Amino acid sequence: MKTSLLLKLGVLTTAVLQPVIASTSFGSSSKLMDQASDPIITPAGYAFTIWGAITIGSLIYAFYQLRPQKKTSKLYEDIAPYSVVVFAGFSAWLYAASHNWLLVTIGIFLLMGFCLFKIYSEILQTRSKTKFTWVEQIGTYGTFSLYTGWTTVAIFANIASAVKFSGFSDVGTSGIFWQVVVLLLATAASMLAIRYFKASVLYTLTILWALIAVLVGTLQHKTVAGILPLIISAAILSIIGTFLKYRLAKN
């Protein structure tokens, strides 16, 4: 009982720290990492407003999980340790990104991705058996749909930034090639995740939000983007196709 309470307090503390850290000198800038590390396939700036919804949703979840409805109390006990890692990871990512520790940001996002995978799987399983309250729909299901979906794509965006920052050009044949590889990996991972999460609507929409932002960001480099817009457009259509195929088969 004491351990469970401490974990829940840890969830609340790390959730509160997310917006606090984001508002500090190393978290407030919309361009945390040096622009020199931004490859062509960087999402357009507007897409990062999703973090506002994620951090607010995290606070709703964090306060609610202190005293959830009895039917879902086990869910919150099970996901608490993973939530602490995710929320603390976000703050750590902000710090690492502000110092251009790009390899570190990849490691952080991979750890966050693993924990979010565990959390979201538990949420979907519980939600399929138990009716969520409206607070749980927004603060738990909604928040972690956005968090997991965005992180799925962000892992590969961080990899692309690290490659560019390491000295590899993002223009010319070789530059376009490695970015195509990153996009294909991101698309494959997203398609597999959509199937695993049984075509969760909000998760899929978040993936599309991220990829459309990558397309918009890429089109801003139209003179050197090459075939990248076509590859991203194909990725978006593949995500939609995977979602519809699963949904139609389910019905």
C-alpha atoms as a PDB file:
ATOM      1  CA  MET A   1       0.000   0.000   0.000  1.00  0.00           C
ATOM      2  CA  LYS A   2       2.782   2.420   0.929  1.00  0.00           C
ATOM      3  CA  THR A   3       4.731   1.586  -2.235  1.00  0.00           C
ATOM      4  CA  SER A   4       1.622   2.150  -4.358  1.00  0.00           C
ATOM      5  CA  LEU A   5       1.027   5.554  -2.779  1.00  0.00           C
ATOM      6  CA  LEU A   6       4.645   6.577  -3.289  1.00  0.00           C
ATOM      7  CA  LEU A   7       4.462   5.605  -6.956  1.00  0.00           C
ATOM      8  CA  LYS A   8       1.272   7.609  -7.430  1.00  0.00           C
ATOM      9  CA  LEU A   9       2.879  10.617  -5.792  1.00  0.00           C
ATOM     10  CA  GLY A  10       5.843  10.068  -8.095  1.00  0.00           C
ATOM     11  CA  VAL A  11       3.470  10.158 -11.078  1.00  0.00           C
ATOM     12  CA  LEU A  12       1.998  13.435  -9.853  1.00  0.00           C
ATOM     13  CA  THR A  13       5.392  14.999  -9.171  1.00  0.00           C
ATOM     14  CA  THR A  14       6.889  14.086 -12.545  1.00  0.00           C
ATOM     15  CA  ALA A  15       3.701  15.146 -14.368  1.00  0.00           C
ATOM     16  CA  VAL A  16       3.841  18.572 -12.720  1.00  0.00           C
ATOM     17  CA  LEU A  17       7.530  18.888 -13.583  1.00  0.00           C
ATOM     18  CA  GLN A  18       6.843  18.479 -17.308  1.00  0.00           C
ATOM     19  CA  PRO A  19       5.336  21.960 -17.874  1.00  0.00           C
ATOM     20  CA  VAL A  20       7.594  23.461 -15.202  1.00  0.00           C
ATOM     21  CA  ILE A  21      10.755  22.234 -16.926  1.00  0.00           C
ATOM     22  CA  ALA A  22       9.338  23.195 -20.329  1.00  0.00           C
ATOM     23  CA  SER A  23       8.943  26.782 -19.130  1.00  0.00           C
ATOM     24  CA  THR A  24      12.557  27.109 -17.981  1.00  0.00           C
ATOM     25  CA  SER A  25      15.361  28.693 -19.956  1.00  0.00           C
ATOM     26  CA  PHE A  26      16.313  25.398 -21.607  1.00  0.00           C
ATOM     27  CA  GLY A  27      12.764  24.265 -22.272  1.00  0.00           C
ATOM     28  CA  SER A  28      10.945  27.395 -23.398  1.00  0.00           C
ATOM     29  CA  SER A  29      12.519  27.818 -26.812  1.00  0.00           C
ATOM     30  CA  SER A  30      10.554  26.448 -29.748  1.00  0.00           C
ATOM     31  CA  LYS A  31      13.905  25.554 -31.320  1.00  0.00           C
ATOM     32  CA  LEU A  32      15.524  23.520 -28.595  1.00  0.00           C
ATOM     33  CA  MET A  33      18.146  22.003 -30.818  1.00  0.00           C
ATOM     34  CA  ASP A  34      20.544  23.846 -33.067  1.00  0.00           C
ATOM     35  CA  GLN A  35      18.907  24.446 -36.472  1.00  0.00           C
ATOM     36  CA  ALA A  36      22.013  22.937 -38.035  1.00  0.00           C
ATOM     37  CA  SER A  37      20.767  19.561 -36.790  1.00  0.00           C
ATOM     38  CA  ASP A  38      17.347  19.912 -38.464  1.00  0.00           C
ATOM     39  CA  PRO A  39      17.172  17.633 -41.506  1.00  0.00           C
ATOM     40  CA  ILE A  40      14.742  18.185 -44.364  1.00  0.00           C
ATOM     41  CA  ILE A  41      12.248  15.749 -42.808  1.00  0.00           C
ATOM     42  CA  THR A  42      11.798  17.818 -39.652  1.00  0.00           C
ATOM     43  CA  PRO A  43       8.102  18.322 -38.710  1.00  0.00           C
ATOM     44  CA  ALA A  44       6.715  21.823 -39.260  1.00  0.00           C
ATOM     45  CA  GLY A  45       6.775  23.955 -36.120  1.00  0.00           C
ATOM     46  CA  TYR A  46       3.008  24.012 -35.568  1.00  0.00           C
ATOM     47  CA  ALA A  47       2.998  20.260 -34.895  1.00  0.00           C
ATOM     48  CA  PHE A  48       4.823  20.682 -31.594  1.00  0.00           C
ATOM     49  CA  THR A  49       1.761  22.381 -30.089  1.00  0.00           C
ATOM     50  CA  ILE A  50       0.643  18.820 -29.381  1.00  0.00           C
ATOM     51  CA  TRP A  51       2.932  18.920 -26.335  1.00  0.00           C
ATOM     52  CA  GLY A  52       0.567  21.441 -24.758  1.00  0.00           C
ATOM     53  CA  ALA A  53      -2.307  18.956 -24.967  1.00  0.00           C
ATOM     54  CA  ILE A  54      -0.063  16.140 -23.754  1.00  0.00           C
ATOM     55  CA  THR A  55       1.222  17.989 -20.673  1.00  0.00           C
ATOM     56  CA  ILE A  56      -2.254  19.214 -19.704  1.00  0.00           C
ATOM     57  CA  GLY A  57      -3.660  15.727 -20.191  1.00  0.00           C
ATOM     58  CA  SER A  58      -0.824  14.295 -18.123  1.00  0.00           C
ATOM     59  CA  LEU A  59      -1.826  16.546 -15.225  1.00  0.00           C
ATOM     60  CA  ILE A  60      -5.460  15.430 -15.471  1.00  0.00           C
ATOM     61  CA  TYR A  61      -4.342  11.802 -15.435  1.00  0.00           C
ATOM     62  CA  ALA A  62      -1.864  12.365 -12.612  1.00  0.00           C
ATOM     63  CA  PHE A  63      -4.434  13.909 -10.286  1.00  0.00           C
ATOM     64  CA  TYR A  64      -7.137  11.399 -11.188  1.00  0.00           C
ATOM     65  CA  GLN A  65      -4.943   8.346 -10.613  1.00  0.00           C
ATOM     66  CA  LEU A  66      -4.595   9.306  -6.949  1.00  0.00           C
ATOM     67  CA  ARG A  67      -8.227   8.259  -6.377  1.00  0.00           C
ATOM     68  CA  PRO A  68      -9.563   6.425  -9.462  1.00  0.00           C
ATOM     69  CA  GLN A  69     -12.829   4.535  -9.695  1.00  0.00           C
ATOM     70  CA  LYS A  70     -12.613   1.119  -8.055  1.00  0.00           C
ATOM     71  CA  LYS A  71     -13.109  -0.791 -11.330  1.00  0.00           C
ATOM     72  CA  THR A  72      -9.955   0.656 -12.856  1.00  0.00           C
ATOM     73  CA  SER A  73      -7.765   1.062  -9.763  1.00  0.00           C
ATOM     74  CA  LYS A  74      -5.552  -1.887 -10.736  1.00  0.00           C
ATOM     75  CA  LEU A  75      -4.803  -0.263 -14.091  1.00  0.00           C
ATOM     76  CA  TYR A  76      -3.378   2.823 -12.392  1.00  0.00           C
ATOM     77  CA  GLU A  77      -1.281   0.745 -10.021  1.00  0.00           C
ATOM     78  CA  ASP A  78       0.139  -1.253 -12.930  1.00  0.00           C
ATOM     79  CA  ILE A  79       1.057   1.711 -15.138  1.00  0.00           C
ATOM     80  CA  ALA A  80       2.314   4.041 -12.388  1.00  0.00           C
ATOM     81  CA  PRO A  81       6.018   3.074 -12.560  1.00  0.00           C
ATOM     82  CA  TYR A  82       6.021   3.350 -16.363  1.00  0.00           C
ATOM     83  CA  SER A  83       4.291   6.731 -16.156  1.00  0.00           C
ATOM     84  CA  VAL A  84       7.005   8.044 -13.839  1.00  0.00           C
ATOM     85  CA  VAL A  85       9.669   7.024 -16.364  1.00  0.00           C
ATOM     86  CA  VAL A  86       7.783   8.632 -19.267  1.00  0.00           C
ATOM     87  CA  PHE A  87       7.138  11.947 -17.518  1.00  0.00           C
ATOM     88  CA  ALA A  88      10.658  12.138 -16.109  1.00  0.00           C
ATOM     89  CA  GLY A  89      11.952  11.161 -19.546  1.00  0.00           C
ATOM     90  CA  PHE A  90      10.220  14.122 -21.143  1.00  0.00           C
ATOM     91  CA  SER A  91      11.954  16.527 -18.765  1.00  0.00           C
ATOM     92  CA  ALA A  92      15.281  14.762 -19.347  1.00  0.00           C
ATOM     93  CA  TRP A  93      14.747  14.998 -23.110  1.00  0.00           C
ATOM     94  CA  LEU A  94      14.215  18.754 -22.875  1.00  0.00           C
ATOM     95  CA  TYR A  95      17.496  19.131 -21.021  1.00  0.00           C
ATOM     96  CA  ALA A  96      19.416  16.869 -23.408  1.00  0.00           C
ATOM     97  CA  ALA A  97      17.938  18.571 -26.486  1.00  0.00           C
ATOM     98  CA  SER A  98      18.842  22.027 -25.180  1.00  0.00           C
ATOM     99  CA  HIS A  99      22.468  20.875 -24.967  1.00  0.00           C
ATOM    100  CA  ASN A 100      22.416  19.162 -28.395  1.00  0.00           C
ATOM    101  CA  TRP A 101      23.015  15.736 -26.834  1.00  0.00           C
ATOM    102  CA  LEU A 102      21.193  14.143 -29.738  1.00  0.00           C
ATOM    103  CA  LEU A 103      22.323  10.569 -29.169  1.00  0.00           C
ATOM    104  CA  VAL A 104      21.064  10.902 -25.612  1.00  0.00           C
ATOM    105  CA  THR A 105      17.683  12.148 -26.870  1.00  0.00           C
ATOM    106  CA  ILE A 106      17.352   8.992 -28.979  1.00  0.00           C
ATOM    107  CA  GLY A 107      18.022   6.799 -25.955  1.00  0.00           C
ATOM    108  CA  ILE A 108      15.521   8.747 -23.877  1.00  0.00           C
ATOM    109  CA  PHE A 109      12.812   8.476 -26.508  1.00  0.00           C
ATOM    110  CA  LEU A 110      13.431   4.747 -26.952  1.00  0.00           C
ATOM    111  CA  LEU A 111      12.982   4.244 -23.209  1.00  0.00           C
ATOM    112  CA  MET A 112       9.878   6.424 -23.226  1.00  0.00           C
ATOM    113  CA  GLY A 113       8.565   4.495 -26.226  1.00  0.00           C
ATOM    114  CA  PHE A 114       8.967   1.165 -24.437  1.00  0.00           C
ATOM    115  CA  CYS A 115       7.147   2.446 -21.342  1.00  0.00           C
ATOM    116  CA  LEU A 116       4.391   4.061 -23.398  1.00  0.00           C
ATOM    117  CA  PHE A 117       3.926   0.788 -25.266  1.00  0.00           C
ATOM    118  CA  LYS A 118       3.334  -0.965 -21.938  1.00  0.00           C
ATOM    119  CA  ILE A 119       1.053   1.788 -20.640  1.00  0.00           C
ATOM    120  CA  TYR A 120      -1.067   2.066 -23.764  1.00  0.00           C
ATOM    121  CA  SER A 121      -1.479  -1.690 -24.083  1.00  0.00           C
ATOM    122  CA  GLU A 122      -2.798  -1.845 -20.505  1.00  0.00           C
ATOM    123  CA  ILE A 123      -5.126   1.104 -21.085  1.00  0.00           C
ATOM    124  CA  LEU A 124      -6.654  -0.376 -24.242  1.00  0.00           C
ATOM    125  CA  GLN A 125      -7.079  -3.774 -22.611  1.00  0.00           C
ATOM    126  CA  THR A 126      -8.826  -2.302 -19.566  1.00  0.00           C
ATOM    127  CA  ARG A 127     -10.916   0.087 -21.647  1.00  0.00           C
ATOM    128  CA  SER A 128     -12.225  -2.813 -23.746  1.00  0.00           C
ATOM    129  CA  LYS A 129     -13.595  -4.480 -20.615  1.00  0.00           C
ATOM    130  CA  THR A 130     -14.500  -1.582 -18.339  1.00  0.00           C
ATOM    131  CA  LYS A 131     -16.387   1.633 -19.009  1.00  0.00           C
ATOM    132  CA  PHE A 132     -14.111   4.625 -18.502  1.00  0.00           C
ATOM    133  CA  THR A 133     -15.359   7.785 -16.842  1.00  0.00           C
ATOM    134  CA  TRP A 134     -15.227  10.957 -18.954  1.00  0.00           C
ATOM    135  CA  VAL A 135     -12.128  12.007 -16.999  1.00  0.00           C
ATOM    136  CA  GLU A 136     -10.455   8.719 -17.880  1.00  0.00           C
ATOM    137  CA  GLN A 137     -11.439   9.075 -21.535  1.00  0.00           C
ATOM    138  CA  ILE A 138      -9.708  12.447 -21.683  1.00  0.00           C
ATOM    139  CA  GLY A 139      -6.922  12.202 -19.120  1.00  0.00           C
ATOM    140  CA  THR A 140      -5.951   8.557 -19.486  1.00  0.00           C
ATOM    141  CA  TYR A 141      -6.991   7.219 -22.899  1.00  0.00           C
ATOM    142  CA  GLY A 142      -6.733  10.598 -24.637  1.00  0.00           C
ATOM    143  CA  THR A 143      -3.428  11.656 -23.136  1.00  0.00           C
ATOM    144  CA  PHE A 144      -1.614   8.405 -23.743  1.00  0.00           C
ATOM    145  CA  SER A 145      -3.030   8.082 -27.272  1.00  0.00           C
ATOM    146  CA  LEU A 146      -1.360  11.392 -28.103  1.00  0.00           C
ATOM    147  CA  TYR A 147       1.784  10.623 -26.113  1.00  0.00           C
ATOM    148  CA  THR A 148       2.293   7.186 -27.658  1.00  0.00           C
ATOM    149  CA  GLY A 149       1.421   8.254 -31.191  1.00  0.00           C
ATOM    150  CA  TRP A 150       3.703  11.281 -31.160  1.00  0.00           C
ATOM    151  CA  THR A 151       6.575   9.340 -29.599  1.00  0.00           C
ATOM    152  CA  THR A 152       6.290   6.621 -32.257  1.00  0.00           C
ATOM    153  CA  VAL A 153       7.247   9.181 -34.902  1.00  0.00           C
ATOM    154  CA  ALA A 154       9.465  11.347 -32.664  1.00  0.00           C
ATOM    155  CA  ILE A 155      11.910   8.483 -32.135  1.00  0.00           C
ATOM    156  CA  PHE A 156      12.720   8.515 -35.843  1.00  0.00           C
ATOM    157  CA  ALA A 157      12.723  12.319 -36.024  1.00  0.00           C
ATOM    158  CA  ASN A 158      15.393  12.313 -33.312  1.00  0.00           C
ATOM    159  CA  ILE A 159      17.386   9.702 -35.208  1.00  0.00           C
ATOM    160  CA  ALA A 160      17.275  11.892 -38.320  1.00  0.00           C
ATOM    161  CA  SER A 161      18.441  14.927 -36.323  1.00  0.00           C
ATOM    162  CA  ALA A 162      21.303  12.941 -34.823  1.00  0.00           C
ATOM    163  CA  VAL A 163      22.429  11.736 -38.250  1.00  0.00           C
ATOM    164  CA  LYS A 164      22.399  15.288 -39.634  1.00  0.00           C
ATOM    165  CA  PHE A 165      24.156  16.686 -36.551  1.00  0.00           C
ATOM    166  CA  SER A 166      26.847  14.023 -36.887  1.00  0.00           C
ATOM    167  CA  GLY A 167      27.937  15.593 -40.148  1.00  0.00           C
ATOM    168  CA  PHE A 168      25.924  13.737 -42.779  1.00  0.00           C
ATOM    169  CA  SER A 169      24.418  15.955 -45.460  1.00  0.00           C
ATOM    170  CA  ASP A 170      20.653  15.903 -45.927  1.00  0.00           C
ATOM    171  CA  VAL A 171      20.834  17.011 -49.559  1.00  0.00           C
ATOM    172  CA  GLY A 172      22.068  15.268 -52.673  1.00  0.00           C
ATOM    173  CA  THR A 173      21.627  11.582 -53.477  1.00  0.00           C
ATOM    174  CA  SER A 174      23.132  10.246 -50.237  1.00  0.00           C
ATOM    175  CA  GLY A 175      21.263  12.769 -48.091  1.00  0.00           C
ATOM    176  CA  ILE A 176      17.911  11.940 -49.643  1.00  0.00           C
ATOM    177  CA  PHE A 177      18.676   8.218 -49.413  1.00  0.00           C
ATOM    178  CA  TRP A 178      19.251   8.053 -45.657  1.00  0.00           C
ATOM    179  CA  GLN A 179      16.185  10.176 -45.005  1.00  0.00           C
ATOM    180  CA  VAL A 180      14.096   7.818 -47.142  1.00  0.00           C
ATOM    181  CA  VAL A 181      15.392   4.928 -45.017  1.00  0.00           C
ATOM    182  CA  VAL A 182      14.381   6.740 -41.816  1.00  0.00           C
ATOM    183  CA  LEU A 183      10.923   7.465 -43.253  1.00  0.00           C
ATOM    184  CA  LEU A 184      10.435   3.839 -44.302  1.00  0.00           C
ATOM    185  CA  LEU A 185      11.404   2.633 -40.829  1.00  0.00           C
ATOM    186  CA  ALA A 186       9.042   5.138 -39.198  1.00  0.00           C
ATOM    187  CA  THR A 187       6.216   4.065 -41.500  1.00  0.00           C
ATOM    188  CA  ALA A 188       6.794   0.363 -40.874  1.00  0.00           C
ATOM    189  CA  ALA A 189       6.914   0.875 -37.104  1.00  0.00           C
ATOM    190  CA  SER A 190       3.736   2.965 -37.209  1.00  0.00           C
ATOM    191  CA  MET A 191       1.858   0.398 -39.295  1.00  0.00           C
ATOM    192  CA  LEU A 192       2.854  -2.425 -36.962  1.00  0.00           C
ATOM    193  CA  ALA A 193       1.849  -0.367 -33.923  1.00  0.00           C
ATOM    194  CA  ILE A 194      -1.535   0.517 -35.426  1.00  0.00           C
ATOM    195  CA  ARG A 195      -2.255  -3.159 -35.963  1.00  0.00           C
ATOM    196  CA  TYR A 196      -1.044  -4.064 -32.472  1.00  0.00           C
ATOM    197  CA  PHE A 197      -3.178  -1.345 -30.892  1.00  0.00           C
ATOM    198  CA  LYS A 198      -6.159  -2.574 -32.921  1.00  0.00           C
ATOM    199  CA  ALA A 199      -6.413   0.578 -35.011  1.00  0.00           C
ATOM    200  CA  SER A 200      -7.033   2.918 -32.103  1.00  0.00           C
ATOM    201  CA  VAL A 201      -8.587   5.994 -33.710  1.00  0.00           C
ATOM    202  CA  LEU A 202      -6.872   8.665 -31.622  1.00  0.00           C
ATOM    203  CA  TYR A 203      -3.493   6.928 -31.816  1.00  0.00           C
ATOM    204  CA  THR A 204      -3.757   6.692 -35.613  1.00  0.00           C
ATOM    205  CA  LEU A 205      -4.820  10.339 -35.907  1.00  0.00           C
ATOM    206  CA  THR A 206      -1.766  11.354 -33.887  1.00  0.00           C
ATOM    207  CA  ILE A 207       0.510   9.405 -36.220  1.00  0.00           C
ATOM    208  CA  LEU A 208      -1.104  11.190 -39.161  1.00  0.00           C
ATOM    209  CA  TRP A 209      -0.742  14.567 -37.415  1.00  0.00           C
ATOM    210  CA  ALA A 210       2.994  13.934 -37.083  1.00  0.00           C
ATOM    211  CA  LEU A 211       3.517  12.665 -40.637  1.00  0.00           C
ATOM    212  CA  ILE A 212       1.495  15.470 -42.218  1.00  0.00           C
ATOM    213  CA  ALA A 213       3.641  17.926 -40.241  1.00  0.00           C
ATOM    214  CA  VAL A 214       6.748  16.208 -41.639  1.00  0.00           C
ATOM    215  CA  LEU A 215       5.292  16.615 -45.142  1.00  0.00           C
ATOM    216  CA  VAL A 216       4.596  20.317 -44.535  1.00  0.00           C
ATOM    217  CA  GLY A 217       8.092  20.809 -43.110  1.00  0.00           C
ATOM    218  CA  THR A 218       9.631  19.020 -46.063  1.00  0.00           C
ATOM    219  CA  LEU A 219       7.721  21.115 -48.599  1.00  0.00           C
ATOM    220  CA  GLN A 220       9.325  24.193 -47.063  1.00  0.00           C
ATOM    221  CA  HIS A 221      12.579  22.844 -48.542  1.00  0.00           C
ATOM    222  CA  LYS A 222      11.049  22.327 -52.003  1.00  0.00           C
ATOM    223  CA  THR A 223      14.235  23.249 -53.869  1.00  0.00           C
ATOM    224  CA  VAL A 224      16.209  20.370 -52.308  1.00  0.00           C
ATOM    225  CA  ALA A 225      13.544  17.945 -51.067  1.00  0.00           C
ATOM    226  CA  GLY A 226      13.739  15.631 -54.085  1.00  0.00           C
ATOM    227  CA  ILE A 227      11.395  12.657 -53.837  1.00  0.00           C
ATOM    228  CA  LEU A 228      10.886  13.033 -50.071  1.00  0.00           C
ATOM    229  CA  PRO A 229       7.397  14.619 -50.343  1.00  0.00           C
ATOM    230  CA  LEU A 230       6.280  11.670 -52.482  1.00  0.00           C
ATOM    231  CA  ILE A 231       7.676   9.172 -49.960  1.00  0.00           C
ATOM    232  CA  ILE A 232       5.956  10.933 -47.055  1.00  0.00           C
ATOM    233  CA  SER A 233       2.669  11.104 -48.984  1.00  0.00           C
ATOM    234  CA  ALA A 234       2.925   7.366 -49.627  1.00  0.00           C
ATOM    235  CA  ALA A 235       3.604   6.830 -45.931  1.00  0.00           C
ATOM    236  CA  ILE A 236       0.476   8.797 -44.995  1.00  0.00           C
ATOM    237  CA  LEU A 237      -1.631   6.766 -47.434  1.00  0.00           C
ATOM    238  CA  SER A 238      -0.121   3.541 -46.060  1.00  0.00           C
ATOM    239  CA  ILE A 239      -1.095   4.534 -42.512  1.00  0.00           C
ATOM    240  CA  ILE A 240      -4.651   5.324 -43.600  1.00  0.00           C
ATOM    241  CA  GLY A 241      -4.805   2.068 -45.552  1.00  0.00           C
ATOM    242  CA  THR A 242      -3.581   0.021 -42.582  1.00  0.00           C
ATOM    243  CA  PHE A 243      -6.158   1.657 -40.317  1.00  0.00           C
ATOM    244  CA  LEU A 244      -9.056   1.128 -42.735  1.00  0.00           C
ATOM    245  CA  LYS A 245      -8.040  -2.454 -43.523  1.00  0.00           C
ATOM    246  CA  TYR A 246      -8.042  -3.379 -39.853  1.00  0.00           C
ATOM    247  CA  ARG A 247     -11.301  -1.567 -39.145  1.00  0.00           C
ATOM    248  CA  LEU A 248     -13.105  -3.126 -42.105  1.00  0.00           C
ATOM    249  CA  ALA A 249     -11.826  -6.601 -41.223  1.00  0.00           C
ATOM    250  CA  LYS A 250     -12.945  -6.053 -37.624  1.00  0.00           C
ATOM    251  CA  ASN A 251     -16.477  -5.174 -38.765  1.00  0.00           C
END
